[in-house]
Amino acid sequence: MRIAILSDIHGNFDALSAFRESYDELWVLGDLVNYGPEPGAVIDYLKVHASFVVRGNHDHAVGFNEDPHCSPRFRAMAEATQRFTESVLTCGQKHFLRSLPLHAAIERGGARFYLCHAVPSDPLFSYCHANAAQWLREVEGVGADFIFVGHTHLPALRTIGACTVVNPGSLGQPKTGSPQACYAVWEDGKVSLRSYGYPVDSAVAKLRALPLDAALRDELAAILQTGHTPAVPQVKP
């Protein structure tokens, strides 16, 4: 059994359409939309190809017209791209986002899996790095051999007792210091973190054509090109 795990695609269909990994099932850990230029294409692709998709905070925000609870650094980007996303999605695509479950418990190949976007106790919003002490509490009571989460955009693999916590990183907006799209593969009890190149220039060109403030377009483009969040510009006194 070979499972590919994706997360945080964020409307980047160039990254998603370049995905070439073979799999028996495709699992997605949320945040299909916002920040990127083609949210509708991402949704339509995953409706066909994904076996399981859980809801991320940006999916929730667009589906229910609510606040995604982003950090101050990303708030302006999130608000602007959410307005764009809501304007281009169909009613059916928004319904799909609303209908996504907050978590999923799955058994495959004799292993138990738990899927959510952030953490089990707060599946939408809690921002918890893989090495945080919080995970010692999060794995309790879940009853899973593997917990798959996203949200941080940082790939990670951590074993806590009999449970392995896996973050595949972000496919559509990686923050690893590299523009390569990140994902994970589970096969016969073993997990590997992987990445690949895709036509970043194409995604950036589509970003620059969005009806957003020029400074926000530049920041979003820089994240895709570098895998870093640009520093906040210093205002001269």
C-alpha atoms as a PDB file:
ATOM      1  CA  MET A   1       0.000   0.000   0.000  1.00  0.00           C
ATOM      2  CA  ARG A   2       1.440   3.328  -1.103  1.00  0.00           C
ATOM      3  CA  ILE A   3      -0.124   6.580   0.096  1.00  0.00           C
ATOM      4  CA  ALA A   4       0.900  10.067  -1.037  1.00  0.00           C
ATOM      5  CA  ILE A   5       0.187  12.842   1.467  1.00  0.00           C
ATOM      6  CA  LEU A   6      -0.130  16.489   0.438  1.00  0.00           C
ATOM      7  CA  SER A   7      -0.922  19.633   2.393  1.00  0.00           C
ATOM      8  CA  ASP A   8      -1.204  23.399   2.026  1.00  0.00           C
ATOM      9  CA  ILE A   9      -1.595  23.622  -1.739  1.00  0.00           C
ATOM     10  CA  HIS A  10      -2.976  27.164  -1.485  1.00  0.00           C
ATOM     11  CA  GLY A  11      -4.315  27.578  -4.993  1.00  0.00           C
ATOM     12  CA  ASN A  12      -1.004  26.653  -6.642  1.00  0.00           C
ATOM     13  CA  PHE A  13      -2.174  24.456  -9.478  1.00  0.00           C
ATOM     14  CA  ASP A  14       1.209  24.626 -11.207  1.00  0.00           C
ATOM     15  CA  ALA A  15       2.734  22.766  -8.255  1.00  0.00           C
ATOM     16  CA  LEU A  16      -0.153  20.292  -8.018  1.00  0.00           C
ATOM     17  CA  SER A  17      -0.338  19.493 -11.726  1.00  0.00           C
ATOM     18  CA  ALA A  18       3.422  18.776 -11.747  1.00  0.00           C
ATOM     19  CA  PHE A  19       3.016  16.087  -9.065  1.00  0.00           C
ATOM     20  CA  ARG A  20       4.169  12.781 -10.570  1.00  0.00           C
ATOM     21  CA  GLU A  21       4.421  10.429  -7.575  1.00  0.00           C
ATOM     22  CA  SER A  22       2.694   7.070  -8.018  1.00  0.00           C
ATOM     23  CA  TYR A  23       0.209   6.101  -5.295  1.00  0.00           C
ATOM     24  CA  ASP A  24      -2.661   3.843  -4.396  1.00  0.00           C
ATOM     25  CA  GLU A  25      -4.377   6.632  -2.464  1.00  0.00           C
ATOM     26  CA  LEU A  26      -3.903  10.386  -2.247  1.00  0.00           C
ATOM     27  CA  TRP A  27      -4.585  12.091   1.118  1.00  0.00           C
ATOM     28  CA  VAL A  28      -4.742  15.871   1.529  1.00  0.00           C
ATOM     29  CA  LEU A  29      -4.403  17.705   4.850  1.00  0.00           C
ATOM     30  CA  GLY A  30      -6.193  20.922   3.997  1.00  0.00           C
ATOM     31  CA  ASP A  31      -5.652  24.488   2.820  1.00  0.00           C
ATOM     32  CA  LEU A  32      -6.525  23.980  -0.797  1.00  0.00           C
ATOM     33  CA  VAL A  33      -7.178  27.699  -1.267  1.00  0.00           C
ATOM     34  CA  ASN A  34      -5.954  31.281  -0.640  1.00  0.00           C
ATOM     35  CA  TYR A  35      -2.550  32.816  -1.389  1.00  0.00           C
ATOM     36  CA  GLY A  36      -2.463  31.200  -4.847  1.00  0.00           C
ATOM     37  CA  PRO A  37      -3.953  32.111  -8.234  1.00  0.00           C
ATOM     38  CA  GLU A  38      -5.945  28.972  -9.176  1.00  0.00           C
ATOM     39  CA  PRO A  39      -8.049  27.738  -6.236  1.00  0.00           C
ATOM     40  CA  GLY A  40     -10.838  26.404  -8.421  1.00  0.00           C
ATOM     41  CA  ALA A  41      -8.503  24.215 -10.476  1.00  0.00           C
ATOM     42  CA  VAL A  42      -6.990  22.794  -7.274  1.00  0.00           C
ATOM     43  CA  ILE A  43     -10.417  21.925  -5.859  1.00  0.00           C
ATOM     44  CA  ASP A  44     -11.599  20.302  -9.078  1.00  0.00           C
ATOM     45  CA  TYR A  45      -8.430  18.208  -9.361  1.00  0.00           C
ATOM     46  CA  LEU A  46      -8.636  16.923  -5.800  1.00  0.00           C
ATOM     47  CA  LYS A  47     -12.345  16.156  -6.073  1.00  0.00           C
ATOM     48  CA  VAL A  48     -11.347  13.629  -8.736  1.00  0.00           C
ATOM     49  CA  HIS A  49      -8.008  12.315  -7.484  1.00  0.00           C
ATOM     50  CA  ALA A  50      -7.978  12.489  -3.675  1.00  0.00           C
ATOM     51  CA  SER A  51      -9.277   9.654  -1.508  1.00  0.00           C
ATOM     52  CA  PHE A  52      -9.431  11.803   1.648  1.00  0.00           C
ATOM     53  CA  VAL A  53      -9.307  15.560   2.161  1.00  0.00           C
ATOM     54  CA  VAL A  54      -9.638  17.306   5.534  1.00  0.00           C
ATOM     55  CA  ARG A  55     -10.514  20.960   6.047  1.00  0.00           C
ATOM     56  CA  GLY A  56      -7.833  23.571   6.676  1.00  0.00           C
ATOM     57  CA  ASN A  57      -8.293  26.995   8.212  1.00  0.00           C
ATOM     58  CA  HIS A  58      -8.296  28.680   4.795  1.00  0.00           C
ATOM     59  CA  ASP A  59     -10.809  26.185   3.403  1.00  0.00           C
ATOM     60  CA  HIS A  60     -12.986  26.910   6.430  1.00  0.00           C
ATOM     61  CA  ALA A  61     -12.595  30.660   6.011  1.00  0.00           C
ATOM     62  CA  VAL A  62     -13.623  30.639   2.360  1.00  0.00           C
ATOM     63  CA  GLY A  63     -16.368  28.055   2.798  1.00  0.00           C
ATOM     64  CA  PHE A  64     -18.004  29.889   5.692  1.00  0.00           C
ATOM     65  CA  ASN A  65     -16.827  33.470   4.966  1.00  0.00           C
ATOM     66  CA  GLU A  66     -14.910  33.620   8.232  1.00  0.00           C
ATOM     67  CA  ASP A  67     -11.522  34.743   9.521  1.00  0.00           C
ATOM     68  CA  PRO A  68      -8.705  32.209   8.891  1.00  0.00           C
ATOM     69  CA  HIS A  69      -6.928  33.411  12.078  1.00  0.00           C
ATOM     70  CA  CYS A  70      -3.591  34.018  10.391  1.00  0.00           C
ATOM     71  CA  SER A  71      -0.570  35.522  12.112  1.00  0.00           C
ATOM     72  CA  PRO A  72      -0.178  39.310  11.774  1.00  0.00           C
ATOM     73  CA  ARG A  73       2.568  38.862   9.150  1.00  0.00           C
ATOM     74  CA  PHE A  74       0.188  37.040   6.795  1.00  0.00           C
ATOM     75  CA  ARG A  75      -3.092  38.775   7.652  1.00  0.00           C
ATOM     76  CA  ALA A  76      -3.105  41.259   4.771  1.00  0.00           C
ATOM     77  CA  MET A  77      -2.166  38.529   2.266  1.00  0.00           C
ATOM     78  CA  ALA A  78      -4.867  36.234   3.607  1.00  0.00           C
ATOM     79  CA  GLU A  79      -7.585  38.888   3.562  1.00  0.00           C
ATOM     80  CA  ALA A  80      -6.795  40.033   0.030  1.00  0.00           C
ATOM     81  CA  THR A  81      -6.475  36.567  -1.459  1.00  0.00           C
ATOM     82  CA  GLN A  82      -9.584  35.369   0.355  1.00  0.00           C
ATOM     83  CA  ARG A  83     -11.599  38.118  -1.330  1.00  0.00           C
ATOM     84  CA  PHE A  84     -10.173  36.990  -4.666  1.00  0.00           C
ATOM     85  CA  THR A  85     -10.798  33.311  -3.950  1.00  0.00           C
ATOM     86  CA  GLU A  86     -14.391  33.908  -2.882  1.00  0.00           C
ATOM     87  CA  SER A  87     -14.981  35.887  -6.077  1.00  0.00           C
ATOM     88  CA  VAL A  88     -13.809  33.138  -8.444  1.00  0.00           C
ATOM     89  CA  LEU A  89     -15.100  29.933  -6.814  1.00  0.00           C
ATOM     90  CA  THR A  90     -18.459  28.492  -7.786  1.00  0.00           C
ATOM     91  CA  CYS A  91     -21.182  27.745  -5.258  1.00  0.00           C
ATOM     92  CA  GLY A  92     -20.383  24.050  -5.710  1.00  0.00           C
ATOM     93  CA  GLN A  93     -16.700  24.560  -4.969  1.00  0.00           C
ATOM     94  CA  LYS A  94     -17.500  26.536  -1.817  1.00  0.00           C
ATOM     95  CA  HIS A  95     -19.924  23.805  -0.754  1.00  0.00           C
ATOM     96  CA  PHE A  96     -17.118  21.273  -1.224  1.00  0.00           C
ATOM     97  CA  LEU A  97     -14.895  23.264   1.159  1.00  0.00           C
ATOM     98  CA  ARG A  98     -17.688  23.510   3.734  1.00  0.00           C
ATOM     99  CA  SER A  99     -18.341  19.780   3.536  1.00  0.00           C
ATOM    100  CA  LEU A 100     -14.750  18.730   4.246  1.00  0.00           C
ATOM    101  CA  PRO A 101     -14.337  16.964   7.610  1.00  0.00           C
ATOM    102  CA  LEU A 102     -12.167  18.481  10.334  1.00  0.00           C
ATOM    103  CA  HIS A 103     -10.355  15.181  10.825  1.00  0.00           C
ATOM    104  CA  ALA A 104     -10.333  11.608   9.584  1.00  0.00           C
ATOM    105  CA  ALA A 105      -9.447   8.293  11.250  1.00  0.00           C
ATOM    106  CA  ILE A 106      -8.389   5.658   8.739  1.00  0.00           C
ATOM    107  CA  GLU A 107      -6.942   2.154   8.834  1.00  0.00           C
ATOM    108  CA  ARG A 108      -4.730   0.853   6.048  1.00  0.00           C
ATOM    109  CA  GLY A 109      -2.227  -1.987   5.911  1.00  0.00           C
ATOM    110  CA  GLY A 110      -2.699  -2.824   9.579  1.00  0.00           C
ATOM    111  CA  ALA A 111      -1.854   0.748  10.634  1.00  0.00           C
ATOM    112  CA  ARG A 112      -4.108   3.398  12.195  1.00  0.00           C
ATOM    113  CA  PHE A 113      -3.945   6.938  10.841  1.00  0.00           C
ATOM    114  CA  TYR A 114      -5.318  10.240  12.093  1.00  0.00           C
ATOM    115  CA  LEU A 115      -5.514  13.172   9.686  1.00  0.00           C
ATOM    116  CA  CYS A 116      -6.123  16.841  10.501  1.00  0.00           C
ATOM    117  CA  HIS A 117      -4.804  20.195   9.374  1.00  0.00           C
ATOM    118  CA  ALA A 118      -3.295  21.638  12.576  1.00  0.00           C
ATOM    119  CA  VAL A 119      -3.401  19.475  15.742  1.00  0.00           C
ATOM    120  CA  PRO A 120      -5.984  16.972  17.039  1.00  0.00           C
ATOM    121  CA  SER A 121      -7.160  19.251  19.867  1.00  0.00           C
ATOM    122  CA  ASP A 122      -7.607  22.230  17.521  1.00  0.00           C
ATOM    123  CA  PRO A 123      -7.737  20.910  13.955  1.00  0.00           C
ATOM    124  CA  LEU A 124      -8.021  24.281  12.218  1.00  0.00           C
ATOM    125  CA  PHE A 125      -5.941  26.918  13.936  1.00  0.00           C
ATOM    126  CA  SER A 126      -3.284  25.842  16.461  1.00  0.00           C
ATOM    127  CA  TYR A 127       0.213  26.478  15.081  1.00  0.00           C
ATOM    128  CA  CYS A 128       2.446  23.787  16.543  1.00  0.00           C
ATOM    129  CA  HIS A 129       5.930  22.938  15.298  1.00  0.00           C
ATOM    130  CA  ALA A 130       6.856  19.256  15.267  1.00  0.00           C
ATOM    131  CA  ASN A 131       9.372  19.625  18.104  1.00  0.00           C
ATOM    132  CA  ALA A 132       6.954  21.445  20.441  1.00  0.00           C
ATOM    133  CA  ALA A 133       6.201  19.898  23.836  1.00  0.00           C
ATOM    134  CA  GLN A 134       2.495  20.233  23.012  1.00  0.00           C
ATOM    135  CA  TRP A 135       2.736  17.119  20.855  1.00  0.00           C
ATOM    136  CA  LEU A 136       3.312  14.975  23.949  1.00  0.00           C
ATOM    137  CA  ARG A 137      -0.283  15.818  24.910  1.00  0.00           C
ATOM    138  CA  GLU A 138      -1.698  15.776  21.398  1.00  0.00           C
ATOM    139  CA  VAL A 139      -0.879  12.125  20.714  1.00  0.00           C
ATOM    140  CA  GLU A 140      -2.643  10.971  23.912  1.00  0.00           C
ATOM    141  CA  GLY A 141      -6.072   9.538  23.287  1.00  0.00           C
ATOM    142  CA  VAL A 142      -5.847   9.691  19.510  1.00  0.00           C
ATOM    143  CA  GLY A 143      -5.117   5.984  19.252  1.00  0.00           C
ATOM    144  CA  ALA A 144      -3.163   6.243  16.022  1.00  0.00           C
ATOM    145  CA  ASP A 145       0.108   4.820  14.795  1.00  0.00           C
ATOM    146  CA  PHE A 146       0.556   7.834  12.514  1.00  0.00           C
ATOM    147  CA  ILE A 147      -0.752  11.381  12.826  1.00  0.00           C
ATOM    148  CA  PHE A 148      -0.590  13.417   9.612  1.00  0.00           C
ATOM    149  CA  VAL A 149      -0.816  17.218   9.942  1.00  0.00           C
ATOM    150  CA  GLY A 150       0.045  20.314   7.920  1.00  0.00           C
ATOM    151  CA  HIS A 151      -0.432  24.029   8.634  1.00  0.00           C
ATOM    152  CA  THR A 152       3.197  25.002   9.427  1.00  0.00           C
ATOM    153  CA  HIS A 153       4.442  24.559   5.818  1.00  0.00           C
ATOM    154  CA  LEU A 154       7.516  22.815   7.270  1.00  0.00           C
ATOM    155  CA  PRO A 155       8.229  19.098   6.648  1.00  0.00           C
ATOM    156  CA  ALA A 156       8.806  17.102   9.828  1.00  0.00           C
ATOM    157  CA  LEU A 157       8.909  13.576  11.162  1.00  0.00           C
ATOM    158  CA  ARG A 158       8.784  12.840  14.900  1.00  0.00           C
ATOM    159  CA  THR A 159       8.219   9.661  16.889  1.00  0.00           C
ATOM    160  CA  ILE A 160       6.470   9.984  20.256  1.00  0.00           C
ATOM    161  CA  GLY A 161       6.079   6.634  21.966  1.00  0.00           C
ATOM    162  CA  ALA A 162       4.317   4.334  19.509  1.00  0.00           C
ATOM    163  CA  CYS A 163       3.016   7.227  17.400  1.00  0.00           C
ATOM    164  CA  THR A 164       4.753   8.948  14.495  1.00  0.00           C
ATOM    165  CA  VAL A 165       3.782  12.550  13.770  1.00  0.00           C
ATOM    166  CA  VAL A 166       4.284  13.499  10.123  1.00  0.00           C
ATOM    167  CA  ASN A 167       4.064  16.907   8.478  1.00  0.00           C
ATOM    168  CA  PRO A 168       4.588  16.655   4.708  1.00  0.00           C
ATOM    169  CA  GLY A 169       5.273  20.387   4.400  1.00  0.00           C
ATOM    170  CA  SER A 170       3.558  22.594   1.861  1.00  0.00           C
ATOM    171  CA  LEU A 171       3.062  21.625  -1.750  1.00  0.00           C
ATOM    172  CA  GLY A 172       1.987  25.078  -2.902  1.00  0.00           C
ATOM    173  CA  GLN A 173       3.740  27.558  -0.611  1.00  0.00           C
ATOM    174  CA  PRO A 174       6.828  25.900   0.916  1.00  0.00           C
ATOM    175  CA  LYS A 175       8.741  27.770   3.611  1.00  0.00           C
ATOM    176  CA  THR A 176      11.818  25.565   3.716  1.00  0.00           C
ATOM    177  CA  GLY A 177      14.211  27.991   2.077  1.00  0.00           C
ATOM    178  CA  SER A 178      13.679  26.240  -1.245  1.00  0.00           C
ATOM    179  CA  PRO A 179      10.939  26.713  -3.850  1.00  0.00           C
ATOM    180  CA  GLN A 180      10.520  22.951  -4.259  1.00  0.00           C
ATOM    181  CA  ALA A 181       7.076  21.527  -3.542  1.00  0.00           C
ATOM    182  CA  CYS A 182       7.005  19.242  -0.486  1.00  0.00           C
ATOM    183  CA  TYR A 183       5.021  16.078   0.237  1.00  0.00           C
ATOM    184  CA  ALA A 184       5.258  12.718   2.007  1.00  0.00           C
ATOM    185  CA  VAL A 185       4.836   9.074   1.093  1.00  0.00           C
ATOM    186  CA  TRP A 186       3.752   6.271   3.428  1.00  0.00           C
ATOM    187  CA  GLU A 187       4.472   2.783   2.145  1.00  0.00           C
ATOM    188  CA  ASP A 188       4.205  -0.441   4.140  1.00  0.00           C
ATOM    189  CA  GLY A 189       4.789   1.249   7.496  1.00  0.00           C
ATOM    190  CA  LYS A 190       7.587   3.603   6.432  1.00  0.00           C
ATOM    191  CA  VAL A 191       7.346   7.350   5.813  1.00  0.00           C
ATOM    192  CA  SER A 192       9.577   9.434   3.575  1.00  0.00           C
ATOM    193  CA  LEU A 193       9.587  13.221   3.140  1.00  0.00           C
ATOM    194  CA  ARG A 194      10.070  14.272  -0.467  1.00  0.00           C
ATOM    195  CA  SER A 195      10.131  17.327  -2.738  1.00  0.00           C
ATOM    196  CA  TYR A 196      10.252  18.212  -6.422  1.00  0.00           C
ATOM    197  CA  GLY A 197      10.656  21.171  -8.702  1.00  0.00           C
ATOM    198  CA  TYR A 198       7.803  22.651 -10.695  1.00  0.00           C
ATOM    199  CA  PRO A 199       7.372  25.678 -13.018  1.00  0.00           C
ATOM    200  CA  VAL A 200       7.527  28.359 -10.329  1.00  0.00           C
ATOM    201  CA  ASP A 201       7.778  31.129 -12.934  1.00  0.00           C
ATOM    202  CA  SER A 202       4.378  30.140 -14.307  1.00  0.00           C
ATOM    203  CA  ALA A 203       2.778  30.332 -10.851  1.00  0.00           C
ATOM    204  CA  VAL A 204       4.473  33.679 -10.186  1.00  0.00           C
ATOM    205  CA  ALA A 205       3.225  35.118 -13.486  1.00  0.00           C
ATOM    206  CA  LYS A 206      -0.337  34.137 -12.546  1.00  0.00           C
ATOM    207  CA  LEU A 207       0.110  35.714  -9.107  1.00  0.00           C
ATOM    208  CA  ARG A 208       1.301  38.963 -10.633  1.00  0.00           C
ATOM    209  CA  ALA A 209      -1.848  39.091 -12.781  1.00  0.00           C
ATOM    210  CA  LEU A 210      -4.181  38.938  -9.752  1.00  0.00           C
ATOM    211  CA  PRO A 211      -6.210  42.027  -8.787  1.00  0.00           C
ATOM    212  CA  LEU A 212      -4.182  42.611  -5.607  1.00  0.00           C
ATOM    213  CA  ASP A 213      -2.057  45.418  -4.249  1.00  0.00           C
ATOM    214  CA  ALA A 214       1.346  45.350  -5.968  1.00  0.00           C
ATOM    215  CA  ALA A 215       3.241  44.984  -2.691  1.00  0.00           C
ATOM    216  CA  LEU A 216       1.196  41.916  -1.750  1.00  0.00           C
ATOM    217  CA  ARG A 217       1.756  40.378  -5.173  1.00  0.00           C
ATOM    218  CA  ASP A 218       5.497  40.923  -4.761  1.00  0.00           C
ATOM    219  CA  GLU A 219       5.505  39.275  -1.328  1.00  0.00           C
ATOM    220  CA  LEU A 220       3.517  36.261  -2.489  1.00  0.00           C
ATOM    221  CA  ALA A 221       5.771  35.868  -5.523  1.00  0.00           C
ATOM    222  CA  ALA A 222       8.908  36.099  -3.365  1.00  0.00           C
ATOM    223  CA  ILE A 223       7.674  33.316  -1.090  1.00  0.00           C
ATOM    224  CA  LEU A 224       7.243  30.981  -4.069  1.00  0.00           C
ATOM    225  CA  GLN A 225      10.580  31.948  -5.580  1.00  0.00           C
ATOM    226  CA  THR A 226      12.667  31.644  -2.410  1.00  0.00           C
ATOM    227  CA  GLY A 227      10.786  29.460   0.065  1.00  0.00           C
ATOM    228  CA  HIS A 228      11.164  32.288   2.601  1.00  0.00           C
ATOM    229  CA  THR A 229       8.768  34.873   3.987  1.00  0.00           C
ATOM    230  CA  PRO A 230      10.187  38.307   3.105  1.00  0.00           C
ATOM    231  CA  ALA A 231      11.223  40.503   6.005  1.00  0.00           C
ATOM    232  CA  VAL A 232       8.805  43.270   6.921  1.00  0.00           C
ATOM    233  CA  PRO A 233      10.036  46.463   5.217  1.00  0.00           C
ATOM    234  CA  GLN A 234      11.518  48.916   7.698  1.00  0.00           C
ATOM    235  CA  VAL A 235       9.868  52.315   7.737  1.00  0.00           C
ATOM    236  CA  LYS A 236      12.413  55.152   7.878  1.00  0.00           C
ATOM    237  CA  PRO A 237      11.855  57.690  10.649  1.00  0.00           C
END
